Protein backbone atom coordinates (compact mmCIF):
# COMPACT_ATOMS: atom_id res chain seq x y z
CA UNK A 1 0.00 0.00 0.00
CA UNK A 2 1.19 3.50 -0.81
CA UNK A 3 0.12 6.41 1.37
CA UNK A 4 0.35 10.02 0.20
CA UNK A 5 0.13 12.91 2.67
CA UNK A 6 0.96 16.50 1.90
CA UNK A 7 0.30 19.47 4.17
CA UNK A 8 -0.31 21.67 1.10
CA UNK A 9 -3.47 19.61 0.52
CA UNK A 10 -4.94 21.09 3.71
CA UNK A 11 -7.35 23.83 2.75
CA UNK A 12 -10.25 25.89 4.05
CA UNK A 13 -13.64 24.74 2.76
CA UNK A 14 -16.85 26.42 3.88
CA UNK A 15 -16.44 26.66 7.65
CA UNK A 16 -13.53 24.33 8.46
CA UNK A 17 -10.03 23.31 7.48
CA UNK A 18 -9.76 19.93 5.75
CA UNK A 19 -6.66 17.71 5.67
CA UNK A 20 -6.43 14.82 3.21
CA UNK A 21 -4.44 11.64 2.65
CA UNK A 22 -4.74 9.19 -0.24
CA UNK A 23 -3.95 5.47 0.00
CA UNK A 24 -3.47 3.17 -2.99
CA UNK A 25 -3.27 -0.63 -2.75
CA UNK A 26 -1.49 -3.15 -4.95
CA UNK A 27 -4.93 -4.48 -5.95
CA UNK A 28 -6.08 -1.24 -7.59
CA UNK A 29 -8.14 -0.01 -4.65
CA UNK A 30 -7.81 3.49 -3.28
CA UNK A 31 -9.23 5.55 -0.45
CA UNK A 32 -9.21 9.21 0.48
CA UNK A 33 -9.10 10.00 4.18
CA UNK A 34 -10.32 13.41 5.31
CA UNK A 35 -10.19 15.15 8.69
CA UNK A 36 -11.77 18.50 9.61
CA UNK A 37 -10.67 21.03 12.20
CA UNK A 38 -11.12 24.63 13.28
CA UNK A 39 -7.49 25.31 12.25
CA UNK A 40 -5.16 23.71 9.70
CA UNK A 41 -3.04 22.36 12.56
CA UNK A 42 -6.07 20.73 14.20
CA UNK A 43 -7.16 19.13 10.92
CA UNK A 44 -3.64 17.81 10.29
CA UNK A 45 -3.38 16.45 13.86
CA UNK A 46 -6.74 14.69 13.53
CA UNK A 47 -5.67 13.17 10.20
CA UNK A 48 -2.39 11.91 11.64
CA UNK A 49 -4.22 10.48 14.66
CA UNK A 50 -6.68 8.66 12.41
CA UNK A 51 -3.88 7.26 10.24
CA UNK A 52 -2.10 5.96 13.34
CA UNK A 53 -5.31 4.46 14.70
CA UNK A 54 -5.87 2.66 11.39
CA UNK A 55 -2.24 1.49 11.56
CA UNK A 56 -1.38 3.24 8.31
CA UNK A 57 1.38 5.19 10.10
CA UNK A 58 3.60 4.19 13.01
CA UNK A 59 2.59 5.53 16.42
CA UNK A 60 4.44 8.72 17.29
CA UNK A 61 5.17 9.56 13.66
CA UNK A 62 3.95 13.10 13.09
CA UNK A 63 6.12 14.12 10.11
CA UNK A 64 4.30 15.46 7.07
CA UNK A 65 5.52 16.00 3.53
């Protein structure tokens, strides 16, 4: 599985900031993960937390591209 995260993908839409990650599998499947927050930092933190919870990122890894 390939996981793409980029902090420049975080943007303001309507009334919240939205952070995104895209995952692609070897079997041709893909998924977009989205987290919302009152600030860009909050949205990014929620996204990273969700990715860690889903075991798509190692615990404690908070680096972003």
